Amino acid sequence: MLDWIIELDQQLFLALNHFRSDWMDPVMLFLSAKKVWIPLYLLIIGVIVYVQRKKAVVFVLFLVLSVVVADQITSGLMKPGFARYRPCHEPALSGQVLTPGKCGGKFGFASSHAANTFAVAAFMFFLFREKRTYRSLLFFWAAVISYSRIYLGVHYPLDILTGAVIGIGCGYLWHLIGMKTVQRLFPATTY
């Protein structure tokens, strides 16, 4: 059963990795770069501060914790624990993977990019329930960043899916903990 899932994951990866054009290479490299998103992260923090005022410190702290925990689960535990080669390092796919950039570390299961971006999207989704458009944009952003990792040849779809589930779980959990903390620190506030 596991062999069948891995085979399907590799075939889906190859189909998505080969669905490309030359003009997309620099776009995907740009989107996948972590430093590119610093202005968005600062904007998100600014929105939290603007809307939440004195409670903002708590929510920003728990947003950061959701990303740190998602990252540690994927990078610190899963990648060394499962030791699944990235597609660009997989001997069975030698010569088949299109990699316009660097391959990265040896192991790729699960994707930290997916976990981190989906943690941010989920945390903000639950924090700002009434802002449907903005919440959808953050999930779209997380999905595009995650897809860029397949396009660049460094993650399988299952790496992305697993990372996204971990990120959503961390975002949800840390949002709940943040809400409980705010309710204890600011008991007069209702949500």
C-alpha atoms as a PDB file:
ATOM      1  CA  MET A   1       0.000   0.000   0.000  1.00  0.00           C
ATOM      2  CA  LEU A   2       2.776   2.449   0.935  1.00  0.00           C
ATOM      3  CA  ASP A   3       4.640   1.705  -2.309  1.00  0.00           C
ATOM      4  CA  TRP A   4       1.489   2.512  -4.284  1.00  0.00           C
ATOM      5  CA  ILE A   5       1.099   5.880  -2.502  1.00  0.00           C
ATOM      6  CA  ILE A   6       4.765   6.763  -3.104  1.00  0.00           C
ATOM      7  CA  GLU A   7       4.478   5.799  -6.782  1.00  0.00           C
ATOM      8  CA  LEU A   8       1.325   7.899  -7.195  1.00  0.00           C
ATOM      9  CA  ASP A   9       2.997  10.818  -5.390  1.00  0.00           C
ATOM     10  CA  GLN A  10       6.007  10.618  -7.727  1.00  0.00           C
ATOM     11  CA  GLN A  11       3.830  10.457 -10.850  1.00  0.00           C
ATOM     12  CA  LEU A  12       1.733  13.419  -9.735  1.00  0.00           C
ATOM     13  CA  PHE A  13       4.918  15.296  -8.872  1.00  0.00           C
ATOM     14  CA  LEU A  14       6.400  14.688 -12.341  1.00  0.00           C
ATOM     15  CA  ALA A  15       3.191  15.861 -14.042  1.00  0.00           C
ATOM     16  CA  LEU A  16       3.108  19.067 -11.978  1.00  0.00           C
ATOM     17  CA  ASN A  17       6.869  19.648 -12.172  1.00  0.00           C
ATOM     18  CA  HIS A  18       6.809  19.357 -15.975  1.00  0.00           C
ATOM     19  CA  PHE A  19       3.823  21.698 -16.341  1.00  0.00           C
ATOM     20  CA  ARG A  20       5.939  24.796 -16.834  1.00  0.00           C
ATOM     21  CA  SER A  21       7.262  27.536 -19.062  1.00  0.00           C
ATOM     22  CA  ASP A  22      10.545  29.440 -19.066  1.00  0.00           C
ATOM     23  CA  TRP A  23       9.004  32.730 -17.929  1.00  0.00           C
ATOM     24  CA  MET A  24       7.628  31.002 -14.810  1.00  0.00           C
ATOM     25  CA  ASP A  25      11.055  29.904 -13.523  1.00  0.00           C
ATOM     26  CA  PRO A  26      12.085  33.311 -12.114  1.00  0.00           C
ATOM     27  CA  VAL A  27       8.553  33.935 -10.826  1.00  0.00           C
ATOM     28  CA  MET A  28       8.533  30.669  -8.860  1.00  0.00           C
ATOM     29  CA  LEU A  29      12.063  31.243  -7.572  1.00  0.00           C
ATOM     30  CA  PHE A  30      10.972  34.699  -6.397  1.00  0.00           C
ATOM     31  CA  LEU A  31       7.791  33.413  -4.728  1.00  0.00           C
ATOM     32  CA  SER A  32       9.659  30.633  -2.964  1.00  0.00           C
ATOM     33  CA  ALA A  33      12.301  32.932  -1.439  1.00  0.00           C
ATOM     34  CA  LYS A  34      11.585  33.449   2.260  1.00  0.00           C
ATOM     35  CA  LYS A  35      12.861  37.032   2.506  1.00  0.00           C
ATOM     36  CA  VAL A  36      10.445  38.197  -0.201  1.00  0.00           C
ATOM     37  CA  TRP A  37       7.543  37.753   2.185  1.00  0.00           C
ATOM     38  CA  ILE A  38       8.882  39.888   5.032  1.00  0.00           C
ATOM     39  CA  PRO A  39       6.746  42.897   3.941  1.00  0.00           C
ATOM     40  CA  LEU A  40       3.630  40.699   4.017  1.00  0.00           C
ATOM     41  CA  TYR A  41       4.512  39.430   7.496  1.00  0.00           C
ATOM     42  CA  LEU A  42       5.018  43.011   8.677  1.00  0.00           C
ATOM     43  CA  LEU A  43       1.654  43.964   7.151  1.00  0.00           C
ATOM     44  CA  ILE A  44      -0.030  41.058   8.947  1.00  0.00           C
ATOM     45  CA  ILE A  45       1.521  42.136  12.247  1.00  0.00           C
ATOM     46  CA  GLY A  46       0.428  45.717  11.537  1.00  0.00           C
ATOM     47  CA  VAL A  47      -3.154  44.591  10.927  1.00  0.00           C
ATOM     48  CA  ILE A  48      -3.165  42.625  14.169  1.00  0.00           C
ATOM     49  CA  VAL A  49      -1.834  45.643  16.079  1.00  0.00           C
ATOM     50  CA  TYR A  50      -4.330  48.003  14.416  1.00  0.00           C
ATOM     51  CA  VAL A  51      -7.373  45.801  15.031  1.00  0.00           C
ATOM     52  CA  GLN A  52      -6.509  44.185  18.356  1.00  0.00           C
ATOM     53  CA  ARG A  53      -4.793  47.167  20.029  1.00  0.00           C
ATOM     54  CA  LYS A  54      -3.650  46.180  23.529  1.00  0.00           C
ATOM     55  CA  LYS A  55      -4.295  42.471  22.853  1.00  0.00           C
ATOM     56  CA  ALA A  56      -2.028  42.537  19.798  1.00  0.00           C
ATOM     57  CA  VAL A  57       1.117  41.466  21.648  1.00  0.00           C
ATOM     58  CA  VAL A  58      -0.583  38.232  22.713  1.00  0.00           C
ATOM     59  CA  PHE A  59      -1.889  37.466  19.226  1.00  0.00           C
ATOM     60  CA  VAL A  60       1.412  38.266  17.503  1.00  0.00           C
ATOM     61  CA  LEU A  61       3.233  36.050  20.002  1.00  0.00           C
ATOM     62  CA  PHE A  62       0.881  33.138  19.342  1.00  0.00           C
ATOM     63  CA  LEU A  63       1.037  33.678  15.575  1.00  0.00           C
ATOM     64  CA  VAL A  64       4.826  33.432  15.780  1.00  0.00           C
ATOM     65  CA  LEU A  65       4.528  30.336  17.989  1.00  0.00           C
ATOM     66  CA  SER A  66       2.230  28.677  15.442  1.00  0.00           C
ATOM     67  CA  VAL A  67       4.858  29.162  12.726  1.00  0.00           C
ATOM     68  CA  VAL A  68       7.776  28.100  14.948  1.00  0.00           C
ATOM     69  CA  VAL A  69       6.006  24.920  16.070  1.00  0.00           C
ATOM     70  CA  ALA A  70       4.904  24.047  12.506  1.00  0.00           C
ATOM     71  CA  ASP A  71       8.465  24.603  11.307  1.00  0.00           C
ATOM     72  CA  GLN A  72       9.990  22.493  14.076  1.00  0.00           C
ATOM     73  CA  ILE A  73       7.560  19.633  13.491  1.00  0.00           C
ATOM     74  CA  THR A  74       8.388  19.506   9.780  1.00  0.00           C
ATOM     75  CA  SER A  75      12.090  20.444   9.772  1.00  0.00           C
ATOM     76  CA  GLY A  76      13.198  19.264  13.176  1.00  0.00           C
ATOM     77  CA  LEU A  77      11.202  16.053  13.521  1.00  0.00           C
ATOM     78  CA  MET A  78       9.742  14.829  10.249  1.00  0.00           C
ATOM     79  CA  LYS A  79      12.495  15.474   7.718  1.00  0.00           C
ATOM     80  CA  PRO A  80      15.209  13.643   9.679  1.00  0.00           C
ATOM     81  CA  GLY A  81      12.720  11.126  11.066  1.00  0.00           C
ATOM     82  CA  PHE A  82      11.236   9.989   7.747  1.00  0.00           C
ATOM     83  CA  ALA A  83      14.401  10.678   5.717  1.00  0.00           C
ATOM     84  CA  ARG A  84      12.495  10.808   2.424  1.00  0.00           C
ATOM     85  CA  TYR A  85      14.641  12.262  -0.323  1.00  0.00           C
ATOM     86  CA  ARG A  86      13.529  15.445  -2.019  1.00  0.00           C
ATOM     87  CA  PRO A  87      12.550  14.760  -5.645  1.00  0.00           C
ATOM     88  CA  CYS A  88      15.721  16.502  -6.851  1.00  0.00           C
ATOM     89  CA  HIS A  89      17.824  14.126  -4.709  1.00  0.00           C
ATOM     90  CA  GLU A  90      15.820  10.964  -5.440  1.00  0.00           C
ATOM     91  CA  PRO A  91      18.002   8.483  -7.404  1.00  0.00           C
ATOM     92  CA  ALA A  92      14.927   6.835  -8.963  1.00  0.00           C
ATOM     93  CA  LEU A  93      13.980  10.179 -10.568  1.00  0.00           C
ATOM     94  CA  SER A  94      17.473  11.088 -11.747  1.00  0.00           C
ATOM     95  CA  GLY A  95      17.309  13.151 -14.924  1.00  0.00           C
ATOM     96  CA  GLN A  96      13.518  13.572 -14.749  1.00  0.00           C
ATOM     97  CA  VAL A  97      13.198  16.413 -12.226  1.00  0.00           C
ATOM     98  CA  LEU A  98      13.298  19.960 -13.553  1.00  0.00           C
ATOM     99  CA  THR A  99      15.039  22.160 -10.983  1.00  0.00           C
ATOM    100  CA  PRO A 100      15.601  25.788 -12.010  1.00  0.00           C
ATOM    101  CA  GLY A 101      17.116  26.668  -8.617  1.00  0.00           C
ATOM    102  CA  LYS A 102      19.030  24.955  -5.844  1.00  0.00           C
ATOM    103  CA  CYS A 103      17.836  21.598  -4.619  1.00  0.00           C
ATOM    104  CA  GLY A 104      18.122  22.319  -0.910  1.00  0.00           C
ATOM    105  CA  GLY A 105      18.592  19.839   1.898  1.00  0.00           C
ATOM    106  CA  LYS A 106      18.626  16.113   1.372  1.00  0.00           C
ATOM    107  CA  PHE A 107      15.183  15.336   2.847  1.00  0.00           C
ATOM    108  CA  GLY A 108      11.831  16.943   2.104  1.00  0.00           C
ATOM    109  CA  PHE A 109       8.978  15.242   3.967  1.00  0.00           C
ATOM    110  CA  ALA A 110       7.134  17.376   5.047  1.00  0.00           C
ATOM    111  CA  SER A 111       7.331  20.833   3.506  1.00  0.00           C
ATOM    112  CA  SER A 112       8.235  23.615   5.943  1.00  0.00           C
ATOM    113  CA  HIS A 113       7.170  26.249   3.411  1.00  0.00           C
ATOM    114  CA  ALA A 114       3.686  24.710   3.320  1.00  0.00           C
ATOM    115  CA  ALA A 115       3.528  24.269   7.095  1.00  0.00           C
ATOM    116  CA  ASN A 116       4.653  27.825   7.820  1.00  0.00           C
ATOM    117  CA  THR A 117       2.476  29.600   5.262  1.00  0.00           C
ATOM    118  CA  PHE A 118      -0.617  27.570   6.113  1.00  0.00           C
ATOM    119  CA  ALA A 119       0.002  28.192   9.834  1.00  0.00           C
ATOM    120  CA  VAL A 120      -0.124  31.943   9.151  1.00  0.00           C
ATOM    121  CA  ALA A 121      -3.198  31.596   6.925  1.00  0.00           C
ATOM    122  CA  ALA A 122      -5.083  29.439   9.441  1.00  0.00           C
ATOM    123  CA  PHE A 123      -4.205  31.620  12.425  1.00  0.00           C
ATOM    124  CA  MET A 124      -5.397  34.735  10.603  1.00  0.00           C
ATOM    125  CA  PHE A 125      -8.476  32.893   9.295  1.00  0.00           C
ATOM    126  CA  PHE A 126      -9.640  32.173  12.825  1.00  0.00           C
ATOM    127  CA  LEU A 127      -8.551  35.531  14.229  1.00  0.00           C
ATOM    128  CA  PHE A 128     -10.440  37.568  11.605  1.00  0.00           C
ATOM    129  CA  ARG A 129     -13.525  35.470  10.944  1.00  0.00           C
ATOM    130  CA  GLU A 130     -15.528  38.409   9.568  1.00  0.00           C
ATOM    131  CA  LYS A 131     -12.992  39.374   6.867  1.00  0.00           C
ATOM    132  CA  ARG A 132     -13.747  36.627   4.326  1.00  0.00           C
ATOM    133  CA  THR A 133     -11.934  38.132   1.344  1.00  0.00           C
ATOM    134  CA  TYR A 134      -8.670  38.675   3.176  1.00  0.00           C
ATOM    135  CA  ARG A 135      -8.777  35.240   4.735  1.00  0.00           C
ATOM    136  CA  SER A 136      -9.218  33.640   1.312  1.00  0.00           C
ATOM    137  CA  LEU A 137      -6.278  35.613  -0.063  1.00  0.00           C
ATOM    138  CA  LEU A 138      -3.979  34.238   2.638  1.00  0.00           C
ATOM    139  CA  PHE A 139      -4.950  30.648   1.798  1.00  0.00           C
ATOM    140  CA  PHE A 140      -4.435  31.407  -1.894  1.00  0.00           C
ATOM    141  CA  TRP A 141      -0.991  32.845  -1.038  1.00  0.00           C
ATOM    142  CA  ALA A 142      -0.099  29.725   0.982  1.00  0.00           C
ATOM    143  CA  ALA A 143      -1.231  27.453  -1.878  1.00  0.00           C
ATOM    144  CA  VAL A 144       0.830  29.376  -4.463  1.00  0.00           C
ATOM    145  CA  ILE A 145       3.947  29.268  -2.279  1.00  0.00           C
ATOM    146  CA  SER A 146       3.398  25.556  -1.725  1.00  0.00           C
ATOM    147  CA  TYR A 147       2.934  24.882  -5.437  1.00  0.00           C
ATOM    148  CA  SER A 148       6.156  26.760  -6.156  1.00  0.00           C
ATOM    149  CA  ARG A 149       8.003  24.093  -4.179  1.00  0.00           C
ATOM    150  CA  ILE A 150       6.718  21.353  -6.525  1.00  0.00           C
ATOM    151  CA  TYR A 151       7.458  23.506  -9.562  1.00  0.00           C
ATOM    152  CA  LEU A 152      11.036  24.023  -8.349  1.00  0.00           C
ATOM    153  CA  GLY A 153      11.516  20.262  -7.927  1.00  0.00           C
ATOM    154  CA  VAL A 154      12.115  20.260  -4.179  1.00  0.00           C
ATOM    155  CA  HIS A 155       8.867  18.766  -2.805  1.00  0.00           C
ATOM    156  CA  TYR A 156       6.360  16.072  -3.668  1.00  0.00           C
ATOM    157  CA  PRO A 157       2.620  16.809  -3.473  1.00  0.00           C
ATOM    158  CA  LEU A 158       2.377  14.627  -0.348  1.00  0.00           C
ATOM    159  CA  ASP A 159       5.106  16.750   1.287  1.00  0.00           C
ATOM    160  CA  ILE A 160       2.978  19.820   0.566  1.00  0.00           C
ATOM    161  CA  LEU A 161      -0.305  18.290   1.683  1.00  0.00           C
ATOM    162  CA  THR A 162       1.198  17.027   4.941  1.00  0.00           C
ATOM    163  CA  GLY A 163       2.886  20.370   5.613  1.00  0.00           C
ATOM    164  CA  ALA A 164      -0.385  22.208   4.940  1.00  0.00           C
ATOM    165  CA  VAL A 165      -2.310  19.979   7.373  1.00  0.00           C
ATOM    166  CA  ILE A 166       0.351  20.502  10.055  1.00  0.00           C
ATOM    167  CA  GLY A 167       0.314  24.262   9.439  1.00  0.00           C
ATOM    168  CA  ILE A 168      -3.475  24.504   9.612  1.00  0.00           C
ATOM    169  CA  GLY A 169      -3.489  22.431  12.778  1.00  0.00           C
ATOM    170  CA  CYS A 170      -0.818  24.611  14.401  1.00  0.00           C
ATOM    171  CA  GLY A 171      -2.555  27.819  13.321  1.00  0.00           C
ATOM    172  CA  TYR A 172      -5.853  26.614  14.752  1.00  0.00           C
ATOM    173  CA  LEU A 173      -4.365  25.292  18.004  1.00  0.00           C
ATOM    174  CA  TRP A 174      -2.280  28.398  18.727  1.00  0.00           C
ATOM    175  CA  HIS A 175      -5.229  30.635  17.864  1.00  0.00           C
ATOM    176  CA  LEU A 176      -7.322  28.784  20.461  1.00  0.00           C
ATOM    177  CA  ILE A 177      -4.575  29.106  23.063  1.00  0.00           C
ATOM    178  CA  GLY A 178      -4.211  32.790  22.175  1.00  0.00           C
ATOM    179  CA  MET A 179      -7.948  33.375  22.602  1.00  0.00           C
ATOM    180  CA  LYS A 180      -7.927  31.676  26.012  1.00  0.00           C
ATOM    181  CA  THR A 181      -4.921  33.743  27.051  1.00  0.00           C
ATOM    182  CA  VAL A 182      -6.568  37.000  25.941  1.00  0.00           C
ATOM    183  CA  GLN A 183      -9.765  36.079  27.798  1.00  0.00           C
ATOM    184  CA  ARG A 184      -7.742  35.553  30.986  1.00  0.00           C
ATOM    185  CA  LEU A 185      -5.646  38.701  30.592  1.00  0.00           C
ATOM    186  CA  PHE A 186      -8.546  40.904  29.461  1.00  0.00           C
ATOM    187  CA  PRO A 187     -11.657  39.412  31.144  1.00  0.00           C
ATOM    188  CA  ALA A 188     -13.953  42.320  30.241  1.00  0.00           C
ATOM    189  CA  THR A 189     -13.455  41.692  26.507  1.00  0.00           C
ATOM    190  CA  THR A 190     -16.049  39.562  24.743  1.00  0.00           C
ATOM    191  CA  TYR A 191     -15.523  37.666  21.497  1.00  0.00           C
END
